[in-house]
């Protein structure tokens, strides 16, 4: 499951970082530029870390990203941009699902065994 999380962390994050680095109009007119950059960099870095560090950082990155992208989706729908808004909701749903899966995985792997009586 961690491999899938690493793979899912990269496409949207790399695209957002690329747009922010190369498109001045996207940066200047986007209230989500800083949050996009923050969660994207977090996911990119976390995708390449060892498993022990990657799982909690990927979890936080996916939760953060799902929130930012959900707000952006509502913003797009308010501007009558149905197609991009729907795409944002789909990405946010995937991010949230992955965050929940990783949350349960962290919860299961961090439990300490009970001492024998």
N, C-alpha and C. Protein backbone atom coordinates (compact mmCIF):
# COMPACT_ATOMS: atom_id res chain seq x y z
N UNK A 1 0.82 -1.20 0.00
CA UNK A 1 0.00 0.00 0.00
C UNK A 1 0.87 1.26 0.00
N UNK A 2 2.02 1.19 0.64
CA UNK A 2 2.90 2.36 0.68
C UNK A 2 3.44 2.67 -0.72
N UNK A 3 3.68 1.65 -1.51
CA UNK A 3 4.15 1.88 -2.88
C UNK A 3 3.09 2.63 -3.67
N UNK A 4 1.83 2.23 -3.52
CA UNK A 4 0.74 2.94 -4.20
C UNK A 4 0.67 4.40 -3.74
N UNK A 5 0.83 4.62 -2.45
CA UNK A 5 0.82 5.99 -1.92
C UNK A 5 1.96 6.81 -2.52
N UNK A 6 3.13 6.21 -2.63
CA UNK A 6 4.27 6.92 -3.22
C UNK A 6 3.97 7.30 -4.67
N UNK A 7 3.37 6.37 -5.42
CA UNK A 7 3.04 6.62 -6.82
C UNK A 7 1.96 7.70 -6.95
N UNK A 8 0.94 7.63 -6.11
CA UNK A 8 -0.14 8.63 -6.17
C UNK A 8 0.30 10.01 -5.71
N UNK A 9 1.35 10.07 -4.93
CA UNK A 9 1.82 11.36 -4.43
C UNK A 9 2.48 12.21 -5.51
N UNK A 10 2.98 11.58 -6.55
CA UNK A 10 3.82 12.32 -7.49
C UNK A 10 3.11 13.06 -8.63
N UNK A 11 2.15 12.48 -9.35
CA UNK A 11 1.67 13.18 -10.56
C UNK A 11 1.12 14.58 -10.31
N UNK A 12 0.15 14.72 -9.45
CA UNK A 12 -0.46 16.04 -9.21
C UNK A 12 0.57 16.99 -8.61
N UNK A 13 1.37 16.48 -7.67
CA UNK A 13 2.37 17.34 -7.02
C UNK A 13 3.40 17.86 -8.00
N UNK A 14 3.90 17.00 -8.86
CA UNK A 14 4.89 17.44 -9.84
C UNK A 14 4.30 18.44 -10.83
N UNK A 15 3.05 18.21 -11.24
CA UNK A 15 2.40 19.15 -12.17
C UNK A 15 2.21 20.51 -11.50
N UNK A 16 1.74 20.51 -10.25
CA UNK A 16 1.53 21.79 -9.55
C UNK A 16 2.85 22.54 -9.36
N UNK A 17 3.89 21.84 -8.96
CA UNK A 17 5.19 22.51 -8.78
C UNK A 17 5.68 23.06 -10.12
N UNK A 18 5.48 22.29 -11.18
CA UNK A 18 5.90 22.75 -12.52
C UNK A 18 5.13 24.02 -12.90
N UNK A 19 3.80 24.01 -12.73
CA UNK A 19 3.01 25.20 -13.05
C UNK A 19 3.43 26.39 -12.21
N UNK A 20 3.63 26.18 -10.93
CA UNK A 20 4.03 27.28 -10.05
C UNK A 20 5.40 27.84 -10.43
N UNK A 21 6.29 26.98 -10.90
CA UNK A 21 7.64 27.42 -11.25
C UNK A 21 7.70 28.11 -12.61
N UNK A 22 6.80 27.73 -13.52
CA UNK A 22 6.94 28.22 -14.89
C UNK A 22 5.86 29.18 -15.36
N UNK A 23 4.71 29.21 -14.70
CA UNK A 23 3.58 30.01 -15.18
C UNK A 23 3.31 31.17 -14.22
N UNK A 24 3.77 32.35 -14.58
CA UNK A 24 3.60 33.52 -13.72
C UNK A 24 2.12 33.87 -13.53
N UNK A 25 1.30 33.67 -14.55
CA UNK A 25 -0.13 33.96 -14.41
C UNK A 25 -0.78 33.03 -13.39
N UNK A 26 -0.39 31.78 -13.40
CA UNK A 26 -0.93 30.81 -12.45
C UNK A 26 -0.56 31.21 -11.02
N UNK A 27 0.69 31.65 -10.83
CA UNK A 27 1.15 32.07 -9.51
C UNK A 27 0.46 33.34 -9.03
N UNK A 28 0.37 34.33 -9.89
CA UNK A 28 -0.11 35.64 -9.46
C UNK A 28 -1.61 35.68 -9.22
N UNK A 29 -2.35 34.87 -9.91
CA UNK A 29 -3.80 34.94 -9.83
C UNK A 29 -4.40 33.78 -9.03
N UNK A 30 -3.57 33.07 -8.28
CA UNK A 30 -4.01 31.84 -7.61
C UNK A 30 -3.88 31.99 -6.10
N UNK A 31 -5.01 32.05 -5.40
CA UNK A 31 -4.94 32.15 -3.94
C UNK A 31 -4.46 30.83 -3.31
N UNK A 32 -4.43 29.78 -4.10
CA UNK A 32 -4.00 28.48 -3.61
C UNK A 32 -2.53 28.19 -3.91
N UNK A 33 -1.79 29.17 -4.42
CA UNK A 33 -0.41 28.93 -4.83
C UNK A 33 0.46 28.42 -3.67
N UNK A 34 0.41 29.10 -2.54
CA UNK A 34 1.25 28.68 -1.41
C UNK A 34 0.80 27.34 -0.82
N UNK A 35 -0.50 27.11 -0.58
CA UNK A 35 -0.90 25.79 -0.10
C UNK A 35 -0.59 24.68 -1.11
N UNK A 36 -0.78 24.96 -2.41
CA UNK A 36 -0.43 23.97 -3.43
C UNK A 36 1.04 23.60 -3.36
N UNK A 37 1.88 24.62 -3.24
CA UNK A 37 3.32 24.38 -3.17
C UNK A 37 3.67 23.61 -1.91
N UNK A 38 3.07 23.96 -0.79
CA UNK A 38 3.39 23.30 0.48
C UNK A 38 3.05 21.82 0.46
N UNK A 39 1.81 21.47 0.10
CA UNK A 39 1.47 20.05 0.14
C UNK A 39 2.17 19.28 -0.97
N UNK A 40 2.41 19.93 -2.12
CA UNK A 40 3.10 19.25 -3.22
C UNK A 40 4.53 18.91 -2.84
N UNK A 41 5.24 19.86 -2.27
CA UNK A 41 6.62 19.58 -1.86
C UNK A 41 6.67 18.52 -0.76
N UNK A 42 5.72 18.58 0.17
CA UNK A 42 5.66 17.57 1.22
C UNK A 42 5.47 16.18 0.62
N UNK A 43 4.55 16.03 -0.33
CA UNK A 43 4.30 14.73 -0.94
C UNK A 43 5.48 14.25 -1.78
N UNK A 44 6.11 15.17 -2.51
CA UNK A 44 7.26 14.78 -3.33
C UNK A 44 8.41 14.29 -2.45
N UNK A 45 8.73 15.03 -1.41
CA UNK A 45 9.81 14.61 -0.51
C UNK A 45 9.46 13.30 0.18
N UNK A 46 8.23 13.20 0.69
CA UNK A 46 7.82 12.00 1.41
C UNK A 46 7.85 10.76 0.54
N UNK A 47 7.56 10.91 -0.75
CA UNK A 47 7.54 9.77 -1.66
C UNK A 47 8.91 9.10 -1.78
N UNK A 48 9.97 9.84 -1.49
CA UNK A 48 11.31 9.29 -1.66
C UNK A 48 12.01 8.96 -0.34
N UNK A 49 11.33 9.17 0.76
CA UNK A 49 11.93 8.86 2.07
C UNK A 49 11.79 7.37 2.39
N UNK A 50 12.60 6.88 3.33
CA UNK A 50 12.43 5.50 3.78
C UNK A 50 11.03 5.30 4.36
N UNK A 51 10.56 4.08 4.33
CA UNK A 51 9.18 3.75 4.71
C UNK A 51 8.78 4.31 6.08
N UNK A 52 9.65 4.19 7.06
CA UNK A 52 9.31 4.63 8.42
C UNK A 52 8.97 6.12 8.48
N UNK A 53 9.69 6.93 7.73
CA UNK A 53 9.42 8.37 7.69
C UNK A 53 8.35 8.71 6.65
N UNK A 54 8.28 7.92 5.59
CA UNK A 54 7.37 8.23 4.48
C UNK A 54 5.91 8.09 4.87
N UNK A 55 5.56 7.05 5.61
CA UNK A 55 4.14 6.79 5.90
C UNK A 55 3.48 7.95 6.64
N UNK A 56 4.03 8.44 7.75
CA UNK A 56 3.34 9.56 8.41
C UNK A 56 3.35 10.84 7.57
N UNK A 57 4.42 11.10 6.85
CA UNK A 57 4.48 12.32 6.03
C UNK A 57 3.54 12.24 4.83
N UNK A 58 3.45 11.07 4.22
CA UNK A 58 2.49 10.90 3.13
C UNK A 58 1.06 11.07 3.64
N UNK A 59 0.80 10.54 4.83
CA UNK A 59 -0.54 10.66 5.42
C UNK A 59 -0.90 12.13 5.61
N UNK A 60 -0.01 12.88 6.22
CA UNK A 60 -0.25 14.31 6.43
C UNK A 60 -0.38 15.04 5.10
N UNK A 61 0.48 14.72 4.16
CA UNK A 61 0.44 15.37 2.85
C UNK A 61 -0.86 15.11 2.10
N UNK A 62 -1.35 13.86 2.18
CA UNK A 62 -2.61 13.55 1.51
C UNK A 62 -3.79 14.23 2.18
N UNK A 63 -3.81 14.28 3.52
CA UNK A 63 -4.88 15.01 4.20
C UNK A 63 -4.84 16.50 3.83
N UNK A 64 -3.66 17.09 3.90
CA UNK A 64 -3.48 18.50 3.58
C UNK A 64 -3.90 18.76 2.13
N UNK A 65 -3.41 17.93 1.22
CA UNK A 65 -3.73 18.10 -0.20
C UNK A 65 -5.22 17.94 -0.48
N UNK A 66 -5.85 16.98 0.18
CA UNK A 66 -7.29 16.78 -0.07
C UNK A 66 -8.08 18.00 0.39
N UNK A 67 -7.67 18.62 1.47
CA UNK A 67 -8.35 19.83 1.94
C UNK A 67 -8.17 20.99 0.98
N UNK A 68 -6.95 21.22 0.56
CA UNK A 68 -6.66 22.32 -0.36
C UNK A 68 -7.39 22.12 -1.68
N UNK A 69 -7.35 20.92 -2.20
CA UNK A 69 -7.96 20.65 -3.50
C UNK A 69 -9.49 20.70 -3.41
N UNK A 70 -10.06 20.29 -2.27
CA UNK A 70 -11.51 20.39 -2.09
C UNK A 70 -11.96 21.85 -2.10
N UNK A 71 -11.24 22.70 -1.39
CA UNK A 71 -11.59 24.12 -1.39
C UNK A 71 -11.44 24.70 -2.80
N UNK A 72 -10.39 24.31 -3.50
CA UNK A 72 -10.20 24.77 -4.88
C UNK A 72 -11.34 24.29 -5.78
N UNK A 73 -11.83 23.08 -5.53
CA UNK A 73 -12.94 22.55 -6.33
C UNK A 73 -14.20 23.38 -6.12
N UNK A 74 -14.49 23.72 -4.87
CA UNK A 74 -15.66 24.56 -4.62
C UNK A 74 -15.50 25.93 -5.26
N UNK A 75 -14.29 26.46 -5.23
CA UNK A 75 -14.02 27.75 -5.88
C UNK A 75 -14.29 27.66 -7.38
N UNK A 76 -13.85 26.58 -8.00
CA UNK A 76 -14.07 26.41 -9.44
C UNK A 76 -15.55 26.25 -9.76
N UNK A 77 -16.26 25.51 -8.93
CA UNK A 77 -17.70 25.36 -9.16
C UNK A 77 -18.42 26.71 -8.99
N UNK A 78 -17.98 27.52 -8.05
CA UNK A 78 -18.58 28.84 -7.87
C UNK A 78 -18.34 29.74 -9.08
N UNK A 79 -17.26 29.48 -9.81
CA UNK A 79 -16.96 30.24 -11.02
C UNK A 79 -17.50 29.55 -12.28
N UNK A 80 -18.37 28.56 -12.09
CA UNK A 80 -19.00 27.80 -13.18
C UNK A 80 -18.01 27.03 -14.03
N UNK A 81 -16.90 26.60 -13.43
CA UNK A 81 -15.92 25.76 -14.11
C UNK A 81 -16.18 24.31 -13.68
N UNK A 82 -17.22 23.71 -14.26
CA UNK A 82 -17.69 22.39 -13.82
C UNK A 82 -16.66 21.29 -14.07
N UNK A 83 -16.06 21.27 -15.24
CA UNK A 83 -15.08 20.22 -15.57
C UNK A 83 -13.88 20.20 -14.63
N UNK A 84 -13.17 21.33 -14.50
CA UNK A 84 -12.04 21.36 -13.58
C UNK A 84 -12.45 21.14 -12.12
N UNK A 85 -13.63 21.63 -11.75
CA UNK A 85 -14.11 21.41 -10.38
C UNK A 85 -14.34 19.93 -10.10
N UNK A 86 -14.94 19.25 -11.06
CA UNK A 86 -15.18 17.81 -10.91
C UNK A 86 -13.87 17.05 -10.84
N UNK A 87 -12.90 17.42 -11.66
CA UNK A 87 -11.58 16.79 -11.62
C UNK A 87 -10.93 17.02 -10.26
N UNK A 88 -11.04 18.23 -9.73
CA UNK A 88 -10.48 18.51 -8.40
C UNK A 88 -11.14 17.65 -7.33
N UNK A 89 -12.47 17.49 -7.40
CA UNK A 89 -13.15 16.62 -6.43
C UNK A 89 -12.67 15.18 -6.53
N UNK A 90 -12.44 14.70 -7.74
CA UNK A 90 -11.96 13.33 -7.92
C UNK A 90 -10.57 13.16 -7.31
N UNK A 91 -9.69 14.12 -7.55
CA UNK A 91 -8.34 14.06 -6.98
C UNK A 91 -8.41 14.13 -5.46
N UNK A 92 -9.25 15.03 -4.95
CA UNK A 92 -9.39 15.16 -3.49
C UNK A 92 -9.91 13.86 -2.89
N UNK A 93 -10.84 13.19 -3.55
CA UNK A 93 -11.37 11.93 -3.05
C UNK A 93 -10.29 10.85 -3.01
N UNK A 94 -9.47 10.80 -4.04
CA UNK A 94 -8.38 9.82 -4.07
C UNK A 94 -7.38 10.13 -2.95
N UNK A 95 -7.04 11.40 -2.78
CA UNK A 95 -6.11 11.79 -1.72
C UNK A 95 -6.68 11.44 -0.34
N UNK A 96 -7.96 11.74 -0.13
CA UNK A 96 -8.56 11.46 1.16
C UNK A 96 -8.62 9.95 1.42
N UNK A 97 -8.97 9.19 0.42
CA UNK A 97 -9.00 7.73 0.58
C UNK A 97 -7.61 7.19 0.93
N UNK A 98 -6.59 7.69 0.25
CA UNK A 98 -5.23 7.23 0.53
C UNK A 98 -4.80 7.64 1.93
N UNK A 99 -5.17 8.84 2.35
CA UNK A 99 -4.83 9.30 3.71
C UNK A 99 -5.50 8.42 4.76
N UNK A 100 -6.75 8.06 4.54
CA UNK A 100 -7.45 7.20 5.49
C UNK A 100 -6.83 5.81 5.54
N UNK A 101 -6.49 5.26 4.40
CA UNK A 101 -5.84 3.95 4.36
C UNK A 101 -4.52 4.00 5.12
N UNK A 102 -3.73 5.03 4.85
CA UNK A 102 -2.44 5.16 5.56
C UNK A 102 -2.64 5.39 7.04
N UNK A 103 -3.69 6.12 7.42
CA UNK A 103 -3.96 6.35 8.84
C UNK A 103 -4.23 5.04 9.56
N UNK A 104 -5.02 4.19 8.95
CA UNK A 104 -5.29 2.89 9.57
C UNK A 104 -4.04 2.04 9.61
N UNK A 105 -3.21 2.13 8.58
CA UNK A 105 -1.96 1.37 8.55
C UNK A 105 -1.03 1.84 9.66
N UNK A 106 -0.91 3.13 9.84
CA UNK A 106 -0.07 3.67 10.91
C UNK A 106 -0.61 3.23 12.26
N UNK A 107 -1.92 3.29 12.42
CA UNK A 107 -2.53 2.88 13.67
C UNK A 107 -2.27 1.42 13.98
N UNK A 108 -2.30 0.56 12.95
CA UNK A 108 -2.07 -0.87 13.17
C UNK A 108 -0.61 -1.19 13.43
N UNK A 109 0.29 -0.48 12.76
CA UNK A 109 1.70 -0.81 12.90
C UNK A 109 2.34 -0.16 14.12
N UNK A 110 1.69 0.83 14.71
CA UNK A 110 2.31 1.50 15.85
C UNK A 110 1.85 0.94 17.19
N UNK A 111 0.96 -0.05 17.18
CA UNK A 111 0.51 -0.64 18.42
C UNK A 111 1.60 -1.53 19.01
N UNK A 112 1.75 -1.43 20.29
CA UNK A 112 2.75 -2.24 20.97
C UNK A 112 2.08 -3.53 21.43
N UNK A 113 2.78 -4.65 21.37
CA UNK A 113 2.16 -5.90 21.83
C UNK A 113 1.92 -5.84 23.35
N UNK A 114 0.84 -6.51 23.77
CA UNK A 114 0.51 -6.56 25.18
C UNK A 114 1.45 -7.53 25.88
N UNK A 115 1.90 -7.18 27.07
CA UNK A 115 2.78 -8.11 27.79
C UNK A 115 2.00 -9.37 28.22
N UNK A 116 2.70 -10.48 28.20
CA UNK A 116 2.08 -11.74 28.60
C UNK A 116 1.85 -11.73 30.10
N UNK A 117 0.72 -12.27 30.50
CA UNK A 117 0.39 -12.31 31.93
C UNK A 117 0.73 -13.63 32.53
